[in-house]
Amino acid sequence: MVKLSELSDELHALKSELSHLMSAPADGMFDAAKSRSDALVEQIKDTLHELGDTLSAEEEHVEKLIAERPIAALASAFALGVAIGFMLRRH
């Protein structure tokens, strides 16, 4: 999963890259921006794929828990619905 520090490091890297691009000539600027954006697209695709894998694993875990304890899961869902209903009714 993507951590906050990794995102912060990536933002700092983007900031320094942007500073470098702003000082570069206009001809090379487009090529550099395109290559950097292609790299970012690949990184985003990889991150989304990893997120999908993680969510799939968690979904299987939740399904297993519900299948093992259906009455407890139903009671929990009902109690959560009642609590949300009370909170929404107050506002």
Foldseek 3Di string as FASTA:
>chain_A
DDDPVNVVVVVVVVVVLVVVLVPDDPVVSVVSVVVVVVVVVVVVVVVVVVVVVVVVVVVVVVVVVCVVPVVVVVVVVVVVVVVVVVVVVVD
